[in-house]
Amino acid sequence: MRVNEPDRERLKVLFLGDDRGHQPIERLRDVGTTMLNRGIELVYTDDLNDLDIEILSRYDALLLYANHEEITPVQEEHLLDYVERGGGFVPIHSASANFTNSEKFIELVGGQFQSHGAEVFSTEIIEPDHEIRAGF
């Protein structure tokens, strides 16, 4: 069964980005249709005012792919409350560099970005037929 069949409910995800170097709006364009076909609706915003419990509660998860330096105490409270109530939180790539003024956020993410280096990483595909690779 495909996840986008009418009898299956879609997951609604608020995608919090920004207008900086990682170009999250372009990444949304890259993956939006594929995710929708898999039953995940991504709704883009770059407005930190959307870190409001009333807005967040409309979504199954918050995806963070941005570089926002600061979070207000109220926004921090709403984000943490949302997660504590069971809301999904998906911090990807640069997320650990966000909200450096919030120890609670850094704790939630599990660490804070320190610096870039010149490392080279290689990928070894262990299960090429795994379902997560379907379509790629």
C-alpha atoms as a PDB file:
ATOM      1  CA  MET A   1       0.000   0.000   0.000  1.00  0.00           C
ATOM      2  CA  ARG A   2       1.354   3.457  -0.876  1.00  0.00           C
ATOM      3  CA  VAL A   3       1.309   5.923   1.986  1.00  0.00           C
ATOM      4  CA  ASN A   4      -0.521   8.582  -0.013  1.00  0.00           C
ATOM      5  CA  GLU A   5      -3.640   6.488  -0.561  1.00  0.00           C
ATOM      6  CA  PRO A   6      -6.809   8.347   0.481  1.00  0.00           C
ATOM      7  CA  ASP A   7      -7.512   6.104   3.492  1.00  0.00           C
ATOM      8  CA  ARG A   8      -4.160   6.949   5.097  1.00  0.00           C
ATOM      9  CA  GLU A   9      -3.717  10.148   7.063  1.00  0.00           C
ATOM     10  CA  ARG A  10      -0.777  12.363   6.108  1.00  0.00           C
ATOM     11  CA  LEU A  11       1.793  13.590   8.572  1.00  0.00           C
ATOM     12  CA  LYS A  12       1.925  17.377   8.696  1.00  0.00           C
ATOM     13  CA  VAL A  13       5.394  18.765   9.325  1.00  0.00           C
ATOM     14  CA  LEU A  14       6.258  22.416   9.894  1.00  0.00           C
ATOM     15  CA  PHE A  15       9.606  23.003   8.150  1.00  0.00           C
ATOM     16  CA  LEU A  16      11.406  25.904   9.869  1.00  0.00           C
ATOM     17  CA  GLY A  17      14.100  27.330   7.616  1.00  0.00           C
ATOM     18  CA  ASP A  18      15.781  30.683   7.033  1.00  0.00           C
ATOM     19  CA  ASP A  19      17.183  32.818   4.212  1.00  0.00           C
ATOM     20  CA  ARG A  20      20.849  31.990   4.752  1.00  0.00           C
ATOM     21  CA  GLY A  21      23.530  29.864   3.123  1.00  0.00           C
ATOM     22  CA  HIS A  22      21.963  26.404   3.378  1.00  0.00           C
ATOM     23  CA  GLN A  23      18.972  27.517   1.275  1.00  0.00           C
ATOM     24  CA  PRO A  24      16.305  25.433   3.020  1.00  0.00           C
ATOM     25  CA  ILE A  25      13.538  26.629   0.691  1.00  0.00           C
ATOM     26  CA  GLU A  26      15.502  25.060  -2.179  1.00  0.00           C
ATOM     27  CA  ARG A  27      15.899  21.835  -0.194  1.00  0.00           C
ATOM     28  CA  LEU A  28      12.119  21.816   0.297  1.00  0.00           C
ATOM     29  CA  ARG A  29      11.695  22.099  -3.461  1.00  0.00           C
ATOM     30  CA  ASP A  30      14.095  19.170  -3.847  1.00  0.00           C
ATOM     31  CA  VAL A  31      12.220  16.814  -1.519  1.00  0.00           C
ATOM     32  CA  GLY A  32       8.701  18.211  -1.112  1.00  0.00           C
ATOM     33  CA  THR A  33       6.948  16.157  -3.789  1.00  0.00           C
ATOM     34  CA  THR A  34       8.744  12.952  -2.828  1.00  0.00           C
ATOM     35  CA  MET A  35       7.824  13.428   0.814  1.00  0.00           C
ATOM     36  CA  LEU A  36       4.210  14.228  -0.077  1.00  0.00           C
ATOM     37  CA  ASN A  37       4.043  11.053  -2.152  1.00  0.00           C
ATOM     38  CA  ARG A  38       5.168   9.210   0.970  1.00  0.00           C
ATOM     39  CA  GLY A  39       2.450  10.757   3.101  1.00  0.00           C
ATOM     40  CA  ILE A  40       4.420  13.629   4.645  1.00  0.00           C
ATOM     41  CA  GLU A  41       3.219  17.168   3.990  1.00  0.00           C
ATOM     42  CA  LEU A  42       5.942  19.782   4.566  1.00  0.00           C
ATOM     43  CA  VAL A  43       4.766  23.335   5.277  1.00  0.00           C
ATOM     44  CA  TYR A  44       7.585  25.890   5.044  1.00  0.00           C
ATOM     45  CA  THR A  45       8.159  28.897   7.271  1.00  0.00           C
ATOM     46  CA  ASP A  46      11.136  31.021   8.201  1.00  0.00           C
ATOM     47  CA  ASP A  47       9.201  33.015  10.798  1.00  0.00           C
ATOM     48  CA  LEU A  48      10.331  32.352  14.376  1.00  0.00           C
ATOM     49  CA  ASN A  49       6.938  33.629  15.533  1.00  0.00           C
ATOM     50  CA  ASP A  50       5.632  30.239  14.363  1.00  0.00           C
ATOM     51  CA  LEU A  51       7.336  28.744  17.429  1.00  0.00           C
ATOM     52  CA  ASP A  52       4.034  29.252  19.180  1.00  0.00           C
ATOM     53  CA  ILE A  53       2.204  26.375  20.861  1.00  0.00           C
ATOM     54  CA  GLU A  54      -1.037  27.191  19.018  1.00  0.00           C
ATOM     55  CA  ILE A  55       0.719  26.982  15.654  1.00  0.00           C
ATOM     56  CA  LEU A  56       2.957  24.035  16.526  1.00  0.00           C
ATOM     57  CA  SER A  57      -0.002  22.007  17.790  1.00  0.00           C
ATOM     58  CA  ARG A  58      -1.378  21.937  14.222  1.00  0.00           C
ATOM     59  CA  TYR A  59       1.568  19.773  13.157  1.00  0.00           C
ATOM     60  CA  ASP A  60       2.799  16.268  13.875  1.00  0.00           C
ATOM     61  CA  ALA A  61       6.404  17.427  13.843  1.00  0.00           C
ATOM     62  CA  LEU A  62       8.722  20.412  13.556  1.00  0.00           C
ATOM     63  CA  LEU A  63      11.641  20.010  11.150  1.00  0.00           C
ATOM     64  CA  LEU A  64      14.468  22.486  11.795  1.00  0.00           C
ATOM     65  CA  TYR A  65      16.957  23.171   9.000  1.00  0.00           C
ATOM     66  CA  ALA A  66      18.154  26.707   9.568  1.00  0.00           C
ATOM     67  CA  ASN A  67      20.627  28.996  11.289  1.00  0.00           C
ATOM     68  CA  HIS A  68      18.667  31.129  13.740  1.00  0.00           C
ATOM     69  CA  GLU A  69      21.025  32.506  16.357  1.00  0.00           C
ATOM     70  CA  GLU A  70      18.596  33.287  19.157  1.00  0.00           C
ATOM     71  CA  ILE A  71      15.298  32.118  20.541  1.00  0.00           C
ATOM     72  CA  THR A  72      13.137  34.150  22.909  1.00  0.00           C
ATOM     73  CA  PRO A  73      12.221  32.668  26.298  1.00  0.00           C
ATOM     74  CA  VAL A  74       8.579  32.363  25.174  1.00  0.00           C
ATOM     75  CA  GLN A  75       9.545  30.607  21.915  1.00  0.00           C
ATOM     76  CA  GLU A  76      11.834  28.275  23.876  1.00  0.00           C
ATOM     77  CA  GLU A  77       9.030  27.470  26.310  1.00  0.00           C
ATOM     78  CA  HIS A  78       6.585  26.748  23.480  1.00  0.00           C
ATOM     79  CA  LEU A  79       9.039  24.531  21.589  1.00  0.00           C
ATOM     80  CA  LEU A  80       9.920  22.514  24.688  1.00  0.00           C
ATOM     81  CA  ASP A  81       6.249  22.229  25.690  1.00  0.00           C
ATOM     82  CA  TYR A  82       5.375  21.013  22.187  1.00  0.00           C
ATOM     83  CA  VAL A  83       8.025  18.286  22.354  1.00  0.00           C
ATOM     84  CA  GLU A  84       7.097  17.323  25.933  1.00  0.00           C
ATOM     85  CA  ARG A  85       3.478  16.879  24.775  1.00  0.00           C
ATOM     86  CA  GLY A  86       4.655  14.410  22.132  1.00  0.00           C
ATOM     87  CA  GLY A  87       5.216  16.650  19.130  1.00  0.00           C
ATOM     88  CA  GLY A  88       7.936  15.380  16.835  1.00  0.00           C
ATOM     89  CA  PHE A  89      11.172  17.317  16.542  1.00  0.00           C
ATOM     90  CA  VAL A  90      13.462  16.707  13.572  1.00  0.00           C
ATOM     91  CA  PRO A  91      16.638  18.800  13.812  1.00  0.00           C
ATOM     92  CA  ILE A  92      18.758  18.219  10.702  1.00  0.00           C
ATOM     93  CA  HIS A  93      22.159  19.311   9.419  1.00  0.00           C
ATOM     94  CA  SER A  94      22.753  22.828  10.769  1.00  0.00           C
ATOM     95  CA  ALA A  95      20.150  22.582  13.519  1.00  0.00           C
ATOM     96  CA  SER A  96      22.756  22.186  16.237  1.00  0.00           C
ATOM     97  CA  ALA A  97      24.016  25.689  15.416  1.00  0.00           C
ATOM     98  CA  ASN A  98      20.656  27.284  16.245  1.00  0.00           C
ATOM     99  CA  PHE A  99      19.552  29.116  19.374  1.00  0.00           C
ATOM    100  CA  THR A 100      22.949  29.339  21.011  1.00  0.00           C
ATOM    101  CA  ASN A 101      21.401  31.401  23.806  1.00  0.00           C
ATOM    102  CA  SER A 102      19.340  28.413  25.007  1.00  0.00           C
ATOM    103  CA  GLU A 103      20.937  25.666  27.080  1.00  0.00           C
ATOM    104  CA  LYS A 104      17.606  23.800  27.061  1.00  0.00           C
ATOM    105  CA  PHE A 105      17.541  23.774  23.255  1.00  0.00           C
ATOM    106  CA  ILE A 106      21.146  22.558  23.090  1.00  0.00           C
ATOM    107  CA  GLU A 107      20.193  19.795  25.538  1.00  0.00           C
ATOM    108  CA  LEU A 108      17.178  18.876  23.387  1.00  0.00           C
ATOM    109  CA  VAL A 109      19.328  18.581  20.251  1.00  0.00           C
ATOM    110  CA  GLY A 110      22.042  16.742  22.146  1.00  0.00           C
ATOM    111  CA  GLY A 111      24.904  19.096  21.409  1.00  0.00           C
ATOM    112  CA  GLN A 112      25.965  22.339  19.823  1.00  0.00           C
ATOM    113  CA  PHE A 113      27.827  22.963  16.577  1.00  0.00           C
ATOM    114  CA  GLN A 114      31.454  23.849  17.217  1.00  0.00           C
ATOM    115  CA  SER A 115      33.210  24.420  13.888  1.00  0.00           C
ATOM    116  CA  HIS A 116      33.734  23.323  10.314  1.00  0.00           C
ATOM    117  CA  GLY A 117      36.772  21.356   9.319  1.00  0.00           C
ATOM    118  CA  ALA A 118      38.184  19.870   6.160  1.00  0.00           C
ATOM    119  CA  GLU A 119      37.110  16.317   6.863  1.00  0.00           C
ATOM    120  CA  VAL A 120      36.265  13.972   4.040  1.00  0.00           C
ATOM    121  CA  PHE A 121      33.521  11.452   4.644  1.00  0.00           C
ATOM    122  CA  SER A 122      32.699   8.426   2.579  1.00  0.00           C
ATOM    123  CA  THR A 123      29.465   6.483   2.504  1.00  0.00           C
ATOM    124  CA  GLU A 124      29.140   2.738   2.541  1.00  0.00           C
ATOM    125  CA  ILE A 125      25.709   1.491   1.495  1.00  0.00           C
ATOM    126  CA  ILE A 126      25.143  -1.657   3.515  1.00  0.00           C
ATOM    127  CA  GLU A 127      21.586  -2.433   2.410  1.00  0.00           C
ATOM    128  CA  PRO A 128      21.095  -1.115  -1.139  1.00  0.00           C
ATOM    129  CA  ASP A 129      17.588  -2.618  -1.326  1.00  0.00           C
ATOM    130  CA  HIS A 130      16.359  -1.077   1.937  1.00  0.00           C
ATOM    131  CA  GLU A 131      12.967   0.647   1.632  1.00  0.00           C
ATOM    132  CA  ILE A 132      14.384   4.033   2.638  1.00  0.00           C
ATOM    133  CA  ARG A 133      16.385   4.071  -0.613  1.00  0.00           C
ATOM    134  CA  ALA A 134      13.336   3.427  -2.808  1.00  0.00           C
ATOM    135  CA  GLY A 135      13.191   6.027  -5.536  1.00  0.00           C
ATOM    136  CA  PHE A 136      16.748   7.274  -5.038  1.00  0.00           C
END
